[in-house]
Protein backbone atom coordinates (compact mmCIF):
# COMPACT_ATOMS: atom_id res chain seq x y z
CA UNK A 1 0.00 0.00 0.00
CA UNK A 2 3.05 2.29 -0.13
CA UNK A 3 2.04 3.77 -3.47
CA UNK A 4 -1.60 4.26 -2.49
CA UNK A 5 -3.05 7.73 -2.80
CA UNK A 6 -5.89 9.30 -0.88
CA UNK A 7 -8.24 11.73 -2.56
CA UNK A 8 -9.63 14.38 -0.22
CA UNK A 9 -12.41 16.92 -0.61
CA UNK A 10 -13.26 19.83 1.63
CA UNK A 11 -17.06 19.62 2.03
CA UNK A 12 -17.28 23.36 2.77
CA UNK A 13 -15.35 24.62 -0.26
CA UNK A 14 -15.44 21.70 -2.69
CA UNK A 15 -11.65 21.95 -3.06
CA UNK A 16 -9.94 18.64 -3.74
CA UNK A 17 -6.46 17.46 -2.74
CA UNK A 18 -4.45 14.33 -3.37
CA UNK A 19 -2.17 12.80 -0.73
CA UNK A 20 0.18 9.84 -1.19
CA UNK A 21 0.91 7.38 1.62
CA UNK A 22 4.20 6.13 2.93
CA UNK A 23 7.71 7.13 1.93
CA UNK A 24 7.95 10.48 0.13
CA UNK A 25 10.16 10.13 -2.92
CA UNK A 26 9.51 13.77 -3.75
CA UNK A 27 10.96 14.90 -0.40
CA UNK A 28 13.86 12.50 -0.97
CA UNK A 29 14.71 14.17 -4.29
CA UNK A 30 13.53 17.76 -3.75
CA UNK A 31 13.62 18.43 0.01
CA UNK A 32 11.00 20.92 1.21
CA UNK A 33 9.75 21.91 -2.25
CA UNK A 34 6.95 19.29 -2.47
CA UNK A 35 5.33 21.00 0.53
CA UNK A 36 5.42 24.31 -1.36
CA UNK A 37 3.95 22.71 -4.50
CA UNK A 38 1.09 21.31 -2.39
CA UNK A 39 0.45 24.71 -0.80
CA UNK A 40 1.53 23.38 2.59
CA UNK A 41 3.34 26.56 3.59
CA UNK A 42 3.60 25.72 7.30
CA UNK A 43 5.62 22.55 6.70
CA UNK A 44 7.57 24.15 3.86
CA UNK A 45 8.89 26.82 6.23
CA UNK A 46 9.52 24.31 9.03
CA UNK A 47 11.38 21.96 6.69
CA UNK A 48 13.51 24.79 5.24
CA UNK A 49 14.45 26.10 8.69
CA UNK A 50 15.25 22.67 10.11
CA UNK A 51 17.23 21.76 6.97
CA UNK A 52 19.25 24.97 7.35
CA UNK A 53 20.09 24.11 10.96
CA UNK A 54 20.91 20.46 10.22
CA UNK A 55 22.67 21.14 6.89
CA UNK A 56 20.01 19.15 5.05
CA UNK A 57 20.18 16.02 7.19
CA UNK A 58 16.62 16.56 8.41
CA UNK A 59 15.38 15.53 4.95
CA UNK A 60 16.43 11.99 5.87
CA UNK A 61 13.71 12.10 8.54
CA UNK A 62 11.11 14.14 6.65
CA UNK A 63 11.07 11.76 3.68
CA UNK A 64 9.65 9.09 6.00
CA UNK A 65 7.10 11.27 7.84
CA UNK A 66 6.05 14.14 5.56
CA UNK A 67 3.16 12.39 3.77
CA UNK A 68 1.58 11.47 7.12
CA UNK A 69 2.05 15.05 8.37
CA UNK A 70 0.37 16.35 5.21
CA UNK A 71 -2.60 13.99 5.65
CA UNK A 72 -2.96 15.09 9.28
CA UNK A 73 -2.97 18.77 8.22
CA UNK A 74 -5.64 18.09 5.59
CA UNK A 75 -7.90 16.34 8.12
CA UNK A 76 -7.38 19.15 10.65
CA UNK A 77 -8.32 21.66 7.92
CA UNK A 78 -11.68 19.94 7.39
CA UNK A 79 -10.87 17.73 4.42
CA UNK A 80 -12.53 14.32 4.22
CA UNK A 81 -11.50 11.24 2.27
CA UNK A 82 -13.45 11.00 -0.95
CA UNK A 83 -11.74 7.85 -2.24
CA UNK A 84 -8.70 5.61 -1.90
CA UNK A 85 -6.62 4.41 -4.83
CA UNK A 86 -6.11 0.92 -3.33
CA UNK A 87 -7.78 -0.73 -0.35
CA UNK A 88 -10.34 0.82 1.96
CA UNK A 89 -10.40 3.93 4.13
CA UNK A 90 -10.35 1.69 7.21
CA UNK A 91 -7.17 -0.04 6.02
CA UNK A 92 -5.50 3.29 5.32
CA UNK A 93 -6.65 4.68 8.69
CA UNK A 94 -4.98 1.74 10.42
CA UNK A 95 -1.81 2.18 8.36
CA UNK A 96 -1.43 5.90 9.18
CA UNK A 97 -2.61 5.46 12.78
CA UNK A 98 -5.35 8.07 12.73
CA UNK A 99 -9.06 8.22 12.12
CA UNK A 100 -9.70 9.50 8.59
CA UNK A 101 -13.15 11.02 8.16
CA UNK A 102 -14.99 9.92 5.04
CA UNK A 103 -16.93 12.25 2.77
CA UNK A 104 -20.59 11.30 2.88
CA UNK A 105 -22.09 11.15 -0.61
CA UNK A 106 -25.77 11.60 -1.25
C-alpha atoms as a PDB file:
ATOM      1  CA  UNK A   1       0.000   0.000   0.000  1.00  0.00           C
ATOM      2  CA  UNK A   2       3.049   2.289  -0.133  1.00  0.00           C
ATOM      3  CA  UNK A   3       2.039   3.772  -3.474  1.00  0.00           C
ATOM      4  CA  UNK A   4      -1.596   4.258  -2.487  1.00  0.00           C
ATOM      5  CA  UNK A   5      -3.051   7.732  -2.796  1.00  0.00           C
ATOM      6  CA  UNK A   6      -5.894   9.296  -0.880  1.00  0.00           C
ATOM      7  CA  UNK A   7      -8.237  11.727  -2.557  1.00  0.00           C
ATOM      8  CA  UNK A   8      -9.626  14.383  -0.222  1.00  0.00           C
ATOM      9  CA  UNK A   9     -12.414  16.924  -0.610  1.00  0.00           C
ATOM     10  CA  UNK A  10     -13.264  19.834   1.625  1.00  0.00           C
ATOM     11  CA  UNK A  11     -17.063  19.619   2.034  1.00  0.00           C
ATOM     12  CA  UNK A  12     -17.276  23.358   2.774  1.00  0.00           C
ATOM     13  CA  UNK A  13     -15.353  24.622  -0.256  1.00  0.00           C
ATOM     14  CA  UNK A  14     -15.436  21.697  -2.692  1.00  0.00           C
ATOM     15  CA  UNK A  15     -11.648  21.949  -3.055  1.00  0.00           C
ATOM     16  CA  UNK A  16      -9.938  18.638  -3.740  1.00  0.00           C
ATOM     17  CA  UNK A  17      -6.456  17.461  -2.744  1.00  0.00           C
ATOM     18  CA  UNK A  18      -4.446  14.329  -3.372  1.00  0.00           C
ATOM     19  CA  UNK A  19      -2.174  12.795  -0.732  1.00  0.00           C
ATOM     20  CA  UNK A  20       0.183   9.841  -1.187  1.00  0.00           C
ATOM     21  CA  UNK A  21       0.906   7.379   1.619  1.00  0.00           C
ATOM     22  CA  UNK A  22       4.204   6.126   2.925  1.00  0.00           C
ATOM     23  CA  UNK A  23       7.714   7.127   1.933  1.00  0.00           C
ATOM     24  CA  UNK A  24       7.953  10.482   0.130  1.00  0.00           C
ATOM     25  CA  UNK A  25      10.160  10.131  -2.917  1.00  0.00           C
ATOM     26  CA  UNK A  26       9.515  13.768  -3.746  1.00  0.00           C
ATOM     27  CA  UNK A  27      10.963  14.899  -0.402  1.00  0.00           C
ATOM     28  CA  UNK A  28      13.864  12.496  -0.973  1.00  0.00           C
ATOM     29  CA  UNK A  29      14.708  14.173  -4.286  1.00  0.00           C
ATOM     30  CA  UNK A  30      13.525  17.764  -3.751  1.00  0.00           C
ATOM     31  CA  UNK A  31      13.615  18.429   0.005  1.00  0.00           C
ATOM     32  CA  UNK A  32      10.995  20.918   1.206  1.00  0.00           C
ATOM     33  CA  UNK A  33       9.749  21.907  -2.251  1.00  0.00           C
ATOM     34  CA  UNK A  34       6.945  19.294  -2.473  1.00  0.00           C
ATOM     35  CA  UNK A  35       5.335  21.002   0.531  1.00  0.00           C
ATOM     36  CA  UNK A  36       5.418  24.313  -1.357  1.00  0.00           C
ATOM     37  CA  UNK A  37       3.945  22.708  -4.500  1.00  0.00           C
ATOM     38  CA  UNK A  38       1.091  21.308  -2.386  1.00  0.00           C
ATOM     39  CA  UNK A  39       0.454  24.711  -0.800  1.00  0.00           C
ATOM     40  CA  UNK A  40       1.525  23.379   2.591  1.00  0.00           C
ATOM     41  CA  UNK A  41       3.343  26.555   3.595  1.00  0.00           C
ATOM     42  CA  UNK A  42       3.599  25.723   7.300  1.00  0.00           C
ATOM     43  CA  UNK A  43       5.620  22.548   6.700  1.00  0.00           C
ATOM     44  CA  UNK A  44       7.572  24.153   3.859  1.00  0.00           C
ATOM     45  CA  UNK A  45       8.888  26.821   6.234  1.00  0.00           C
ATOM     46  CA  UNK A  46       9.525  24.307   9.031  1.00  0.00           C
ATOM     47  CA  UNK A  47      11.383  21.958   6.685  1.00  0.00           C
ATOM     48  CA  UNK A  48      13.510  24.789   5.237  1.00  0.00           C
ATOM     49  CA  UNK A  49      14.449  26.096   8.690  1.00  0.00           C
ATOM     50  CA  UNK A  50      15.249  22.665  10.110  1.00  0.00           C
ATOM     51  CA  UNK A  51      17.227  21.760   6.971  1.00  0.00           C
ATOM     52  CA  UNK A  52      19.254  24.970   7.353  1.00  0.00           C
ATOM     53  CA  UNK A  53      20.086  24.112  10.961  1.00  0.00           C
ATOM     54  CA  UNK A  54      20.909  20.465  10.215  1.00  0.00           C
ATOM     55  CA  UNK A  55      22.675  21.145   6.886  1.00  0.00           C
ATOM     56  CA  UNK A  56      20.010  19.151   5.045  1.00  0.00           C
ATOM     57  CA  UNK A  57      20.183  16.020   7.188  1.00  0.00           C
ATOM     58  CA  UNK A  58      16.617  16.558   8.405  1.00  0.00           C
ATOM     59  CA  UNK A  59      15.378  15.533   4.947  1.00  0.00           C
ATOM     60  CA  UNK A  60      16.429  11.992   5.872  1.00  0.00           C
ATOM     61  CA  UNK A  61      13.707  12.098   8.536  1.00  0.00           C
ATOM     62  CA  UNK A  62      11.108  14.137   6.646  1.00  0.00           C
ATOM     63  CA  UNK A  63      11.066  11.759   3.678  1.00  0.00           C
ATOM     64  CA  UNK A  64       9.652   9.095   6.004  1.00  0.00           C
ATOM     65  CA  UNK A  65       7.105  11.274   7.842  1.00  0.00           C
ATOM     66  CA  UNK A  66       6.045  14.141   5.563  1.00  0.00           C
ATOM     67  CA  UNK A  67       3.164  12.390   3.769  1.00  0.00           C
ATOM     68  CA  UNK A  68       1.578  11.470   7.116  1.00  0.00           C
ATOM     69  CA  UNK A  69       2.055  15.052   8.369  1.00  0.00           C
ATOM     70  CA  UNK A  70       0.367  16.352   5.205  1.00  0.00           C
ATOM     71  CA  UNK A  71      -2.602  13.988   5.646  1.00  0.00           C
ATOM     72  CA  UNK A  72      -2.959  15.088   9.278  1.00  0.00           C
ATOM     73  CA  UNK A  73      -2.966  18.766   8.219  1.00  0.00           C
ATOM     74  CA  UNK A  74      -5.640  18.094   5.588  1.00  0.00           C
ATOM     75  CA  UNK A  75      -7.896  16.342   8.116  1.00  0.00           C
ATOM     76  CA  UNK A  76      -7.384  19.150  10.648  1.00  0.00           C
ATOM     77  CA  UNK A  77      -8.319  21.662   7.922  1.00  0.00           C
ATOM     78  CA  UNK A  78     -11.679  19.941   7.389  1.00  0.00           C
ATOM     79  CA  UNK A  79     -10.873  17.727   4.415  1.00  0.00           C
ATOM     80  CA  UNK A  80     -12.526  14.322   4.220  1.00  0.00           C
ATOM     81  CA  UNK A  81     -11.498  11.238   2.270  1.00  0.00           C
ATOM     82  CA  UNK A  82     -13.455  11.000  -0.954  1.00  0.00           C
ATOM     83  CA  UNK A  83     -11.743   7.849  -2.242  1.00  0.00           C
ATOM     84  CA  UNK A  84      -8.703   5.610  -1.900  1.00  0.00           C
ATOM     85  CA  UNK A  85      -6.621   4.411  -4.825  1.00  0.00           C
ATOM     86  CA  UNK A  86      -6.114   0.920  -3.334  1.00  0.00           C
ATOM     87  CA  UNK A  87      -7.781  -0.728  -0.354  1.00  0.00           C
ATOM     88  CA  UNK A  88     -10.336   0.821   1.965  1.00  0.00           C
ATOM     89  CA  UNK A  89     -10.403   3.931   4.127  1.00  0.00           C
ATOM     90  CA  UNK A  90     -10.348   1.692   7.211  1.00  0.00           C
ATOM     91  CA  UNK A  91      -7.167  -0.043   6.022  1.00  0.00           C
ATOM     92  CA  UNK A  92      -5.499   3.287   5.318  1.00  0.00           C
ATOM     93  CA  UNK A  93      -6.648   4.676   8.688  1.00  0.00           C
ATOM     94  CA  UNK A  94      -4.979   1.742  10.419  1.00  0.00           C
ATOM     95  CA  UNK A  95      -1.811   2.184   8.361  1.00  0.00           C
ATOM     96  CA  UNK A  96      -1.426   5.898   9.183  1.00  0.00           C
ATOM     97  CA  UNK A  97      -2.608   5.465  12.781  1.00  0.00           C
ATOM     98  CA  UNK A  98      -5.350   8.068  12.728  1.00  0.00           C
ATOM     99  CA  UNK A  99      -9.060   8.219  12.118  1.00  0.00           C
ATOM    100  CA  UNK A 100      -9.701   9.496   8.592  1.00  0.00           C
ATOM    101  CA  UNK A 101     -13.148  11.018   8.162  1.00  0.00           C
ATOM    102  CA  UNK A 102     -14.992   9.923   5.036  1.00  0.00           C
ATOM    103  CA  UNK A 103     -16.926  12.247   2.774  1.00  0.00           C
ATOM    104  CA  UNK A 104     -20.592  11.301   2.878  1.00  0.00           C
ATOM    105  CA  UNK A 105     -22.091  11.149  -0.606  1.00  0.00           C
ATOM    106  CA  UNK A 106     -25.772  11.596  -1.251  1.00  0.00           C
END
